[in-house]
N, C-alpha and C. Protein backbone atom coordinates (compact mmCIF):
# COMPACT_ATOMS: atom_id res chain seq x y z
N MET A 1 -21.20 21.09 -52.13
CA MET A 1 -21.76 21.19 -50.78
C MET A 1 -21.66 19.85 -50.04
N PHE A 2 -22.02 18.77 -50.73
CA PHE A 2 -21.94 17.46 -50.11
C PHE A 2 -20.49 17.08 -49.80
N THR A 3 -19.58 17.55 -50.66
CA THR A 3 -18.15 17.27 -50.42
C THR A 3 -17.68 17.95 -49.14
N ASP A 4 -18.13 19.20 -48.94
CA ASP A 4 -17.74 19.93 -47.73
C ASP A 4 -18.30 19.25 -46.48
N VAL A 5 -19.56 18.83 -46.55
CA VAL A 5 -20.18 18.16 -45.41
C VAL A 5 -19.46 16.85 -45.09
N ALA A 6 -19.11 16.11 -46.16
CA ALA A 6 -18.41 14.84 -45.97
C ALA A 6 -17.03 15.07 -45.36
N ALA A 7 -16.34 16.14 -45.81
CA ALA A 7 -15.01 16.44 -45.29
C ALA A 7 -15.08 16.82 -43.81
N ILE A 8 -16.06 17.65 -43.49
CA ILE A 8 -16.22 18.05 -42.08
C ILE A 8 -16.58 16.85 -41.22
N GLY A 9 -17.47 16.00 -41.73
CA GLY A 9 -17.85 14.80 -40.98
C GLY A 9 -16.67 13.87 -40.77
N THR A 10 -15.83 13.74 -41.79
CA THR A 10 -14.65 12.88 -41.67
C THR A 10 -13.68 13.42 -40.62
N LEU A 11 -13.45 14.74 -40.68
CA LEU A 11 -12.56 15.35 -39.69
C LEU A 11 -13.12 15.20 -38.27
N ALA A 12 -14.43 15.41 -38.12
CA ALA A 12 -15.04 15.29 -36.79
C ALA A 12 -14.91 13.86 -36.27
N GLY A 13 -15.14 12.88 -37.14
CA GLY A 13 -15.00 11.49 -36.72
C GLY A 13 -13.57 11.13 -36.36
N THR A 14 -12.61 11.65 -37.14
CA THR A 14 -11.20 11.37 -36.87
C THR A 14 -10.77 11.95 -35.53
N PHE A 15 -11.13 13.23 -35.30
CA PHE A 15 -10.76 13.86 -34.03
C PHE A 15 -11.48 13.20 -32.85
N GLY A 16 -12.72 12.76 -33.08
CA GLY A 16 -13.45 12.08 -32.02
C GLY A 16 -12.77 10.78 -31.62
N MET A 17 -12.31 10.01 -32.61
CA MET A 17 -11.61 8.77 -32.31
C MET A 17 -10.28 9.03 -31.61
N LEU A 18 -9.59 10.10 -32.02
CA LEU A 18 -8.33 10.45 -31.36
C LEU A 18 -8.56 10.83 -29.90
N LEU A 19 -9.61 11.61 -29.65
CA LEU A 19 -9.91 12.00 -28.27
C LEU A 19 -10.31 10.79 -27.44
N GLY A 20 -11.10 9.90 -28.02
CA GLY A 20 -11.49 8.69 -27.30
C GLY A 20 -10.30 7.81 -26.97
N TYR A 21 -9.40 7.66 -27.93
CA TYR A 21 -8.19 6.86 -27.69
C TYR A 21 -7.32 7.49 -26.61
N SER A 22 -7.19 8.82 -26.65
CA SER A 22 -6.37 9.52 -25.66
C SER A 22 -6.96 9.38 -24.26
N ALA A 23 -8.30 9.43 -24.18
CA ALA A 23 -8.94 9.31 -22.87
C ALA A 23 -8.70 7.93 -22.26
N ILE A 24 -8.65 6.90 -23.11
CA ILE A 24 -8.41 5.54 -22.62
C ILE A 24 -6.93 5.31 -22.36
N ARG A 25 -6.10 5.78 -23.29
CA ARG A 25 -4.65 5.52 -23.21
C ARG A 25 -4.00 6.26 -22.06
N PHE A 26 -4.41 7.50 -21.80
CA PHE A 26 -3.76 8.33 -20.79
C PHE A 26 -4.63 8.53 -19.56
N HIS A 27 -5.58 7.63 -19.36
CA HIS A 27 -6.45 7.74 -18.18
C HIS A 27 -5.65 7.48 -16.90
N ILE A 28 -5.85 8.35 -15.90
CA ILE A 28 -5.14 8.24 -14.62
C ILE A 28 -6.13 7.81 -13.55
N GLU A 29 -5.87 6.67 -12.95
CA GLU A 29 -6.74 6.16 -11.91
C GLU A 29 -6.51 6.93 -10.61
N GLY A 30 -7.60 7.31 -9.95
CA GLY A 30 -7.49 7.97 -8.66
C GLY A 30 -7.30 6.95 -7.55
N ASP A 31 -6.93 7.44 -6.39
CA ASP A 31 -6.72 6.57 -5.24
C ASP A 31 -8.01 6.56 -4.42
N PRO A 32 -8.75 5.43 -4.42
CA PRO A 32 -10.02 5.42 -3.67
C PRO A 32 -9.84 5.58 -2.18
N VAL A 33 -8.72 5.10 -1.63
CA VAL A 33 -8.48 5.25 -0.19
C VAL A 33 -8.26 6.73 0.14
N ALA A 34 -7.49 7.42 -0.68
CA ALA A 34 -7.26 8.85 -0.46
C ALA A 34 -8.57 9.63 -0.57
N ASP A 35 -9.44 9.19 -1.48
CA ASP A 35 -10.74 9.86 -1.62
C ASP A 35 -11.56 9.70 -0.34
N GLN A 36 -11.53 8.51 0.25
CA GLN A 36 -12.30 8.27 1.48
C GLN A 36 -11.72 9.05 2.66
N VAL A 37 -10.39 9.11 2.75
CA VAL A 37 -9.77 9.89 3.82
C VAL A 37 -10.07 11.37 3.64
N ASP A 38 -10.01 11.83 2.42
CA ASP A 38 -10.29 13.24 2.13
C ASP A 38 -11.72 13.60 2.51
N ALA A 39 -12.65 12.66 2.33
CA ALA A 39 -14.05 12.92 2.67
C ALA A 39 -14.25 13.05 4.18
N LEU A 40 -13.34 12.48 4.98
CA LEU A 40 -13.45 12.57 6.43
C LEU A 40 -12.87 13.86 6.99
N LEU A 41 -12.03 14.53 6.22
CA LEU A 41 -11.38 15.75 6.69
C LEU A 41 -12.33 16.94 6.61
N PRO A 42 -12.13 17.96 7.43
CA PRO A 42 -13.07 19.09 7.48
C PRO A 42 -12.99 20.04 6.30
N GLN A 43 -12.00 19.86 5.42
CA GLN A 43 -11.85 20.69 4.22
C GLN A 43 -11.68 22.17 4.56
N SER A 44 -10.98 22.43 5.65
CA SER A 44 -10.69 23.82 6.01
C SER A 44 -9.48 24.36 5.27
N GLN A 45 -8.67 23.45 4.69
CA GLN A 45 -7.48 23.83 3.91
C GLN A 45 -6.58 24.78 4.70
N CYS A 46 -6.45 24.52 5.99
CA CYS A 46 -5.72 25.45 6.87
C CYS A 46 -4.22 25.24 6.84
N GLY A 47 -3.76 24.07 6.47
CA GLY A 47 -2.33 23.80 6.41
C GLY A 47 -1.69 23.50 7.74
N GLN A 48 -2.47 23.36 8.83
CA GLN A 48 -1.89 23.10 10.15
C GLN A 48 -1.28 21.70 10.24
N CYS A 49 -1.64 20.82 9.32
CA CYS A 49 -1.09 19.46 9.32
C CYS A 49 0.30 19.41 8.69
N GLY A 50 0.75 20.53 8.10
CA GLY A 50 2.04 20.54 7.44
C GLY A 50 1.96 20.31 5.94
N PHE A 51 0.75 20.14 5.43
CA PHE A 51 0.53 19.95 4.00
C PHE A 51 -0.26 21.14 3.46
N PRO A 52 -0.15 21.42 2.16
CA PRO A 52 -0.81 22.61 1.62
C PRO A 52 -2.33 22.53 1.56
N GLY A 53 -2.92 21.42 1.92
CA GLY A 53 -4.37 21.30 1.90
C GLY A 53 -4.81 19.94 2.37
N CYS A 54 -6.13 19.75 2.42
CA CYS A 54 -6.67 18.47 2.91
C CYS A 54 -6.37 17.33 1.95
N ARG A 55 -6.45 17.55 0.65
CA ARG A 55 -6.21 16.49 -0.31
C ARG A 55 -4.78 15.96 -0.25
N PRO A 56 -3.75 16.82 -0.25
CA PRO A 56 -2.38 16.29 -0.12
C PRO A 56 -2.17 15.52 1.18
N TYR A 57 -2.79 15.98 2.26
CA TYR A 57 -2.66 15.26 3.53
C TYR A 57 -3.34 13.90 3.44
N ALA A 58 -4.52 13.85 2.80
CA ALA A 58 -5.22 12.58 2.64
C ALA A 58 -4.40 11.59 1.82
N GLU A 59 -3.75 12.08 0.78
CA GLU A 59 -2.92 11.20 -0.04
C GLU A 59 -1.72 10.67 0.74
N ALA A 60 -1.14 11.54 1.59
CA ALA A 60 0.00 11.10 2.40
C ALA A 60 -0.43 10.08 3.44
N VAL A 61 -1.60 10.27 4.04
CA VAL A 61 -2.11 9.31 5.02
C VAL A 61 -2.41 7.98 4.35
N ALA A 62 -3.04 8.02 3.19
CA ALA A 62 -3.37 6.79 2.47
C ALA A 62 -2.12 6.01 2.07
N ALA A 63 -1.04 6.74 1.77
CA ALA A 63 0.21 6.08 1.38
C ALA A 63 1.06 5.68 2.58
N GLY A 64 0.60 6.00 3.79
CA GLY A 64 1.35 5.66 4.99
C GLY A 64 2.52 6.57 5.25
N GLU A 65 2.52 7.76 4.67
CA GLU A 65 3.63 8.70 4.80
C GLU A 65 3.36 9.78 5.84
N ALA A 66 2.19 9.78 6.45
CA ALA A 66 1.85 10.79 7.46
C ALA A 66 1.01 10.15 8.55
N GLU A 67 1.11 10.70 9.75
CA GLU A 67 0.31 10.20 10.86
C GLU A 67 -1.15 10.62 10.69
N ILE A 68 -2.03 9.91 11.38
CA ILE A 68 -3.45 10.17 11.24
C ILE A 68 -3.97 11.20 12.24
N ASN A 69 -3.07 11.77 13.05
CA ASN A 69 -3.50 12.69 14.11
C ASN A 69 -3.03 14.12 13.87
N LEU A 70 -2.79 14.51 12.64
CA LEU A 70 -2.25 15.83 12.36
C LEU A 70 -3.31 16.88 12.05
N CYS A 71 -4.57 16.47 11.92
CA CYS A 71 -5.63 17.43 11.58
C CYS A 71 -6.16 18.06 12.86
N ALA A 72 -5.72 19.28 13.13
CA ALA A 72 -6.16 19.98 14.34
C ALA A 72 -7.63 20.37 14.29
N PRO A 73 -8.15 20.91 13.18
CA PRO A 73 -9.58 21.26 13.16
C PRO A 73 -10.48 20.04 13.33
N GLY A 74 -10.09 18.90 12.79
CA GLY A 74 -10.90 17.70 12.91
C GLY A 74 -10.84 17.08 14.28
N GLY A 75 -9.69 17.24 14.96
CA GLY A 75 -9.54 16.74 16.31
C GLY A 75 -9.59 15.22 16.42
N GLU A 76 -10.00 14.77 17.60
CA GLU A 76 -10.01 13.34 17.90
C GLU A 76 -11.04 12.58 17.08
N ALA A 77 -12.18 13.21 16.79
CA ALA A 77 -13.22 12.53 16.03
C ALA A 77 -12.73 12.15 14.63
N THR A 78 -12.04 13.07 13.98
CA THR A 78 -11.51 12.78 12.64
C THR A 78 -10.42 11.73 12.72
N MET A 79 -9.56 11.81 13.73
CA MET A 79 -8.49 10.82 13.88
C MET A 79 -9.06 9.43 14.06
N LEU A 80 -10.10 9.29 14.89
CA LEU A 80 -10.71 7.98 15.12
C LEU A 80 -11.40 7.46 13.85
N ALA A 81 -12.02 8.35 13.09
CA ALA A 81 -12.68 7.94 11.85
C ALA A 81 -11.65 7.43 10.84
N ILE A 82 -10.51 8.12 10.75
CA ILE A 82 -9.46 7.67 9.82
C ILE A 82 -8.86 6.36 10.29
N ALA A 83 -8.64 6.23 11.59
CA ALA A 83 -8.09 4.99 12.13
C ALA A 83 -9.02 3.81 11.85
N ASP A 84 -10.32 4.03 11.99
CA ASP A 84 -11.29 2.96 11.72
C ASP A 84 -11.31 2.62 10.24
N LEU A 85 -11.18 3.63 9.38
CA LEU A 85 -11.19 3.40 7.94
C LEU A 85 -9.99 2.60 7.49
N LEU A 86 -8.82 2.95 8.01
CA LEU A 86 -7.57 2.32 7.56
C LEU A 86 -7.18 1.11 8.40
N GLY A 87 -7.93 0.85 9.48
CA GLY A 87 -7.59 -0.27 10.35
C GLY A 87 -6.30 -0.05 11.11
N ARG A 88 -6.02 1.19 11.47
CA ARG A 88 -4.81 1.52 12.20
C ARG A 88 -5.13 1.87 13.65
N GLU A 89 -4.13 1.77 14.50
CA GLU A 89 -4.31 2.07 15.92
C GLU A 89 -4.52 3.58 16.11
N PRO A 90 -5.47 3.97 16.96
CA PRO A 90 -5.63 5.39 17.26
C PRO A 90 -4.37 5.98 17.86
N VAL A 91 -4.13 7.24 17.58
CA VAL A 91 -2.95 7.95 18.05
C VAL A 91 -3.40 9.15 18.88
N GLU A 92 -2.66 9.44 19.92
CA GLU A 92 -2.98 10.58 20.79
C GLU A 92 -2.94 11.87 19.98
N VAL A 93 -4.02 12.63 20.06
CA VAL A 93 -4.10 13.89 19.34
C VAL A 93 -3.46 15.01 20.13
N GLY A 94 -3.61 14.98 21.44
CA GLY A 94 -3.08 16.05 22.26
C GLY A 94 -4.12 17.15 22.43
N GLU A 95 -3.76 18.12 23.20
CA GLU A 95 -4.68 19.22 23.45
C GLU A 95 -4.71 20.16 22.25
N VAL A 96 -5.90 20.36 21.70
CA VAL A 96 -6.07 21.26 20.58
C VAL A 96 -6.58 22.60 21.10
N VAL A 97 -5.82 23.64 20.87
CA VAL A 97 -6.19 24.97 21.34
C VAL A 97 -7.22 25.56 20.39
N GLU A 98 -8.39 25.83 20.91
CA GLU A 98 -9.44 26.40 20.10
C GLU A 98 -9.12 27.87 19.79
N LYS A 99 -9.01 28.18 18.51
CA LYS A 99 -8.74 29.54 18.10
C LYS A 99 -10.04 30.22 17.69
N PRO A 100 -10.22 31.47 18.09
CA PRO A 100 -11.44 32.16 17.65
C PRO A 100 -11.43 32.34 16.14
N LYS A 101 -12.59 32.26 15.54
CA LYS A 101 -12.68 32.44 14.09
C LYS A 101 -12.25 33.85 13.73
N SER A 102 -11.40 33.92 12.72
CA SER A 102 -10.87 35.21 12.33
C SER A 102 -10.83 35.33 10.81
N LEU A 103 -10.59 36.53 10.36
CA LEU A 103 -10.57 36.84 8.94
C LEU A 103 -9.33 37.65 8.61
N ALA A 104 -8.66 37.30 7.53
CA ALA A 104 -7.46 38.03 7.11
C ALA A 104 -7.86 39.39 6.53
N VAL A 105 -7.13 40.41 6.95
CA VAL A 105 -7.39 41.77 6.47
C VAL A 105 -6.08 42.36 5.95
N ILE A 106 -6.12 42.97 4.79
CA ILE A 106 -4.92 43.55 4.17
C ILE A 106 -4.94 45.07 4.33
N ASP A 107 -3.83 45.61 4.80
CA ASP A 107 -3.69 47.05 4.95
C ASP A 107 -3.44 47.65 3.56
N GLU A 108 -4.40 48.40 3.07
CA GLU A 108 -4.31 48.93 1.71
C GLU A 108 -3.14 49.89 1.53
N GLU A 109 -2.77 50.62 2.56
CA GLU A 109 -1.72 51.62 2.41
C GLU A 109 -0.33 50.99 2.30
N ASN A 110 -0.15 49.81 2.87
CA ASN A 110 1.18 49.20 2.88
C ASN A 110 1.35 48.04 1.90
N CYS A 111 0.26 47.61 1.26
CA CYS A 111 0.35 46.49 0.31
C CYS A 111 1.16 46.90 -0.91
N ILE A 112 2.16 46.07 -1.26
CA ILE A 112 3.03 46.38 -2.41
C ILE A 112 2.71 45.50 -3.62
N GLY A 113 1.73 44.62 -3.49
CA GLY A 113 1.33 43.79 -4.62
C GLY A 113 2.35 42.74 -5.01
N CYS A 114 2.98 42.12 -4.02
CA CYS A 114 4.03 41.13 -4.33
C CYS A 114 3.45 39.77 -4.72
N THR A 115 2.18 39.53 -4.46
CA THR A 115 1.45 38.29 -4.78
C THR A 115 1.89 37.09 -3.96
N LYS A 116 2.74 37.28 -2.95
CA LYS A 116 3.15 36.13 -2.13
C LYS A 116 1.99 35.59 -1.30
N CYS A 117 1.10 36.47 -0.88
CA CYS A 117 -0.06 36.00 -0.12
C CYS A 117 -1.01 35.20 -1.00
N LEU A 118 -1.09 35.58 -2.28
CA LEU A 118 -1.94 34.83 -3.21
C LEU A 118 -1.44 33.40 -3.34
N GLN A 119 -0.12 33.25 -3.40
CA GLN A 119 0.47 31.92 -3.58
C GLN A 119 0.34 31.06 -2.34
N SER A 120 0.30 31.69 -1.17
CA SER A 120 0.25 30.92 0.07
C SER A 120 -1.17 30.55 0.49
N CYS A 121 -2.18 31.22 -0.06
CA CYS A 121 -3.57 30.96 0.35
C CYS A 121 -4.04 29.62 -0.22
N PRO A 122 -4.40 28.66 0.63
CA PRO A 122 -4.80 27.33 0.13
C PRO A 122 -6.20 27.28 -0.46
N VAL A 123 -7.00 28.32 -0.25
CA VAL A 123 -8.38 28.30 -0.76
C VAL A 123 -8.63 29.42 -1.77
N ASP A 124 -7.59 30.10 -2.22
CA ASP A 124 -7.70 31.17 -3.21
C ASP A 124 -8.68 32.25 -2.76
N ALA A 125 -8.56 32.64 -1.49
CA ALA A 125 -9.46 33.66 -0.95
C ALA A 125 -8.92 35.07 -1.15
N ILE A 126 -7.71 35.20 -1.70
CA ILE A 126 -7.11 36.51 -1.94
C ILE A 126 -7.08 36.78 -3.43
N VAL A 127 -7.53 37.93 -3.83
CA VAL A 127 -7.55 38.30 -5.24
C VAL A 127 -6.66 39.52 -5.44
N GLY A 128 -6.11 39.62 -6.65
CA GLY A 128 -5.23 40.73 -6.97
C GLY A 128 -4.27 40.35 -8.07
N ALA A 129 -3.38 41.25 -8.40
CA ALA A 129 -2.39 41.02 -9.45
C ALA A 129 -1.07 41.65 -9.02
N ALA A 130 -0.01 41.33 -9.76
CA ALA A 130 1.30 41.86 -9.43
C ALA A 130 1.31 43.38 -9.46
N LYS A 131 1.86 43.97 -8.41
CA LYS A 131 1.98 45.41 -8.25
C LYS A 131 0.61 46.10 -8.18
N GLN A 132 -0.42 45.32 -7.80
CA GLN A 132 -1.75 45.88 -7.63
C GLN A 132 -2.24 45.55 -6.22
N LEU A 133 -3.19 46.33 -5.75
CA LEU A 133 -3.73 46.12 -4.41
C LEU A 133 -4.46 44.78 -4.35
N HIS A 134 -4.22 44.03 -3.27
CA HIS A 134 -4.88 42.74 -3.07
C HIS A 134 -6.05 42.92 -2.11
N ALA A 135 -6.98 41.98 -2.17
CA ALA A 135 -8.15 42.00 -1.29
C ALA A 135 -8.49 40.58 -0.89
N VAL A 136 -9.15 40.44 0.25
CA VAL A 136 -9.53 39.13 0.78
C VAL A 136 -11.03 38.93 0.62
N LEU A 137 -11.40 37.78 0.07
CA LEU A 137 -12.82 37.43 -0.05
C LEU A 137 -13.27 36.82 1.28
N GLY A 138 -14.05 37.56 2.01
CA GLY A 138 -14.44 37.13 3.34
C GLY A 138 -15.19 35.82 3.37
N VAL A 139 -16.01 35.55 2.35
CA VAL A 139 -16.79 34.31 2.35
C VAL A 139 -15.93 33.09 2.07
N GLU A 140 -14.72 33.28 1.54
CA GLU A 140 -13.85 32.15 1.21
C GLU A 140 -12.74 31.97 2.24
N CYS A 141 -12.39 33.00 2.98
CA CYS A 141 -11.28 32.93 3.93
C CYS A 141 -11.62 31.98 5.07
N THR A 142 -10.70 31.04 5.37
CA THR A 142 -10.90 30.08 6.46
C THR A 142 -10.19 30.51 7.73
N GLY A 143 -9.46 31.62 7.69
CA GLY A 143 -8.77 32.10 8.89
C GLY A 143 -7.56 31.28 9.27
N CYS A 144 -6.90 30.65 8.30
CA CYS A 144 -5.74 29.80 8.63
C CYS A 144 -4.51 30.62 9.01
N GLY A 145 -4.41 31.86 8.52
CA GLY A 145 -3.30 32.72 8.86
C GLY A 145 -2.00 32.46 8.11
N LEU A 146 -2.02 31.60 7.10
CA LEU A 146 -0.80 31.30 6.36
C LEU A 146 -0.29 32.50 5.57
N CYS A 147 -1.18 33.40 5.19
CA CYS A 147 -0.77 34.56 4.41
C CYS A 147 -0.02 35.58 5.26
N VAL A 148 -0.24 35.57 6.56
CA VAL A 148 0.39 36.56 7.45
C VAL A 148 1.92 36.38 7.44
N GLU A 149 2.37 35.15 7.50
CA GLU A 149 3.81 34.89 7.59
C GLU A 149 4.53 35.18 6.27
N THR A 150 3.82 35.08 5.15
CA THR A 150 4.47 35.25 3.85
C THR A 150 4.57 36.71 3.41
N CYS A 151 3.84 37.60 4.06
CA CYS A 151 3.84 39.01 3.64
C CYS A 151 5.15 39.67 4.05
N PRO A 152 5.93 40.19 3.11
CA PRO A 152 7.23 40.79 3.44
C PRO A 152 7.13 42.15 4.12
N VAL A 153 5.99 42.81 4.01
CA VAL A 153 5.84 44.14 4.62
C VAL A 153 4.89 44.10 5.81
N GLU A 154 4.46 42.92 6.20
CA GLU A 154 3.59 42.74 7.38
C GLU A 154 2.34 43.61 7.31
N CYS A 155 1.69 43.58 6.15
CA CYS A 155 0.47 44.38 6.00
C CYS A 155 -0.79 43.54 6.13
N ILE A 156 -0.64 42.28 6.53
CA ILE A 156 -1.80 41.41 6.72
C ILE A 156 -1.93 41.06 8.19
N HIS A 157 -3.11 41.17 8.73
CA HIS A 157 -3.35 40.79 10.11
C HIS A 157 -4.69 40.07 10.19
N MET A 158 -4.87 39.33 11.26
CA MET A 158 -6.09 38.56 11.45
C MET A 158 -7.02 39.30 12.41
N GLU A 159 -8.24 39.48 12.00
CA GLU A 159 -9.25 40.14 12.83
C GLU A 159 -10.29 39.11 13.28
N PRO A 160 -10.50 38.97 14.58
CA PRO A 160 -11.52 38.02 15.07
C PRO A 160 -12.90 38.39 14.54
N ILE A 161 -13.67 37.37 14.21
CA ILE A 161 -15.04 37.58 13.74
C ILE A 161 -15.97 37.60 14.95
N PRO A 162 -16.65 38.69 15.21
CA PRO A 162 -17.55 38.73 16.38
C PRO A 162 -18.68 37.72 16.24
N GLN A 163 -19.02 37.07 17.35
CA GLN A 163 -20.06 36.06 17.34
C GLN A 163 -21.43 36.71 17.40
N THR A 164 -22.26 36.38 16.44
CA THR A 164 -23.62 36.92 16.38
C THR A 164 -24.60 35.76 16.26
N ILE A 165 -25.87 36.09 16.25
CA ILE A 165 -26.90 35.06 16.10
C ILE A 165 -26.77 34.37 14.75
N ALA A 166 -26.30 35.10 13.75
CA ALA A 166 -26.22 34.55 12.40
C ALA A 166 -25.12 33.48 12.27
N ASN A 167 -23.99 33.65 13.01
CA ASN A 167 -22.90 32.70 12.84
C ASN A 167 -22.67 31.81 14.06
N TRP A 168 -23.49 31.94 15.10
CA TRP A 168 -23.30 31.11 16.29
C TRP A 168 -23.79 29.70 16.03
N LYS A 169 -23.03 28.72 16.53
CA LYS A 169 -23.40 27.32 16.39
C LYS A 169 -23.37 26.65 17.76
N TRP A 170 -24.26 25.72 17.94
CA TRP A 170 -24.31 24.98 19.19
C TRP A 170 -23.05 24.14 19.33
N PRO A 171 -22.33 24.24 20.45
CA PRO A 171 -21.07 23.47 20.59
C PRO A 171 -21.34 21.98 20.64
N TYR A 172 -20.39 21.23 20.04
CA TYR A 172 -20.51 19.79 20.06
C TYR A 172 -20.32 19.26 21.48
N PRO A 173 -21.08 18.24 21.89
CA PRO A 173 -20.88 17.67 23.23
C PRO A 173 -19.54 16.96 23.32
N ARG A 174 -18.90 17.08 24.45
CA ARG A 174 -17.61 16.44 24.68
C ARG A 174 -17.83 15.10 25.37
N MET A 175 -17.44 14.04 24.68
CA MET A 175 -17.59 12.70 25.22
C MET A 175 -16.36 12.35 26.05
N PRO A 176 -16.53 11.55 27.11
CA PRO A 176 -15.36 11.14 27.90
C PRO A 176 -14.42 10.29 27.07
N ARG A 177 -13.14 10.56 27.20
CA ARG A 177 -12.13 9.85 26.41
C ARG A 177 -11.90 8.49 27.03
N VAL A 178 -12.09 7.46 26.23
CA VAL A 178 -11.89 6.09 26.68
C VAL A 178 -10.77 5.49 25.87
N ALA A 179 -9.84 4.84 26.53
CA ALA A 179 -8.72 4.23 25.83
C ALA A 179 -9.23 3.19 24.85
N SER A 180 -8.66 3.19 23.66
CA SER A 180 -9.09 2.26 22.63
C SER A 180 -8.69 0.85 23.00
N TYR A 181 -9.57 -0.08 22.67
CA TYR A 181 -9.28 -1.48 22.94
C TYR A 181 -9.80 -2.31 21.79
N ARG A 182 -8.99 -3.17 21.30
CA ARG A 182 -9.38 -4.05 20.22
C ARG A 182 -9.08 -5.48 20.62
N PRO A 183 -9.92 -6.44 20.15
CA PRO A 183 -9.68 -7.84 20.50
C PRO A 183 -8.29 -8.27 20.06
N GLY A 184 -7.64 -9.02 20.91
CA GLY A 184 -6.31 -9.52 20.57
C GLY A 184 -5.20 -8.61 21.02
N ARG A 185 -5.54 -7.42 21.59
CA ARG A 185 -4.50 -6.49 22.05
C ARG A 185 -4.71 -6.24 23.53
N HIS A 186 -3.67 -6.43 24.33
CA HIS A 186 -3.75 -6.25 25.78
C HIS A 186 -3.61 -4.77 26.12
N ARG A 187 -4.40 -4.34 27.09
CA ARG A 187 -4.29 -2.95 27.53
C ARG A 187 -3.02 -2.77 28.36
N THR A 188 -2.46 -1.58 28.19
CA THR A 188 -1.33 -1.23 29.04
C THR A 188 -1.86 -0.75 30.39
N ALA A 189 -0.97 -0.61 31.35
CA ALA A 189 -1.38 -0.16 32.68
C ALA A 189 -2.00 1.24 32.62
N GLU A 190 -1.43 2.09 31.80
CA GLU A 190 -1.95 3.46 31.68
C GLU A 190 -3.34 3.45 31.07
N GLU A 191 -3.56 2.62 30.02
CA GLU A 191 -4.86 2.54 29.40
C GLU A 191 -5.90 1.98 30.37
N HIS A 192 -5.52 0.99 31.15
CA HIS A 192 -6.45 0.41 32.12
C HIS A 192 -6.83 1.44 33.18
N HIS A 193 -5.84 2.22 33.63
CA HIS A 193 -6.11 3.26 34.63
C HIS A 193 -7.04 4.32 34.06
N THR A 194 -6.83 4.72 32.79
CA THR A 194 -7.68 5.74 32.16
C THR A 194 -9.10 5.24 32.02
N ALA A 195 -9.26 4.00 31.56
CA ALA A 195 -10.60 3.44 31.40
C ALA A 195 -11.32 3.33 32.73
N GLU A 196 -10.61 2.93 33.79
CA GLU A 196 -11.24 2.81 35.10
C GLU A 196 -11.64 4.17 35.64
N ALA A 197 -10.80 5.18 35.43
CA ALA A 197 -11.12 6.53 35.90
C ALA A 197 -12.36 7.07 35.17
N ASP A 198 -12.44 6.83 33.86
CA ASP A 198 -13.60 7.27 33.11
C ASP A 198 -14.88 6.56 33.55
N ARG A 199 -14.75 5.27 33.87
CA ARG A 199 -15.91 4.50 34.32
C ARG A 199 -16.43 5.03 35.65
N GLN A 200 -15.50 5.33 36.59
CA GLN A 200 -15.91 5.85 37.87
C GLN A 200 -16.52 7.24 37.76
N GLU A 201 -15.95 8.05 36.84
CA GLU A 201 -16.50 9.40 36.66
C GLU A 201 -17.90 9.34 36.07
N ALA A 202 -18.12 8.40 35.14
CA ALA A 202 -19.45 8.26 34.54
C ALA A 202 -20.48 7.76 35.54
N ALA A 203 -20.01 6.93 36.49
CA ALA A 203 -20.92 6.41 37.52
C ALA A 203 -21.31 7.50 38.50
């Protein structure tokens, strides 16, 4: 009996040391800058920035491989926060078209179970299996619409979510846009004109 206990204890100690060595030897350091950029993003995983999710976009921004103004849901506020974090010049976001909140709906009669919508969903809001009927988890769907384009039989469509007391939110106040100015950088004529126009409007 003592021999068995000693053998098991020896094996447990050996495997424990191997696991500890592996954790140290193959440890992968994360990118703290990418973590901070990712924390500023809205985490909608909509893919409108051209990346499959917020994390890949944050990594590209941290590496200097993507512009800081590609997040449409975050808008100008997110762009300015990222610019301040990275010490980069603000970039024009442009007009962001507000889309009504919607939910992906799958037509049960036409779904062929190809699983292409499952692969395109950035938040895993679609459940199903090959050659089986798929369904959308309403609480997880962000309404990005990426699954609509991938469906070969066009059985997915977006349905607007009606606004009720339960899901209505007070709109954020819109602040007047003021051209960015930093010490050591001269304003252009256009920036000076914009700042003066905003000052007169505020007065």
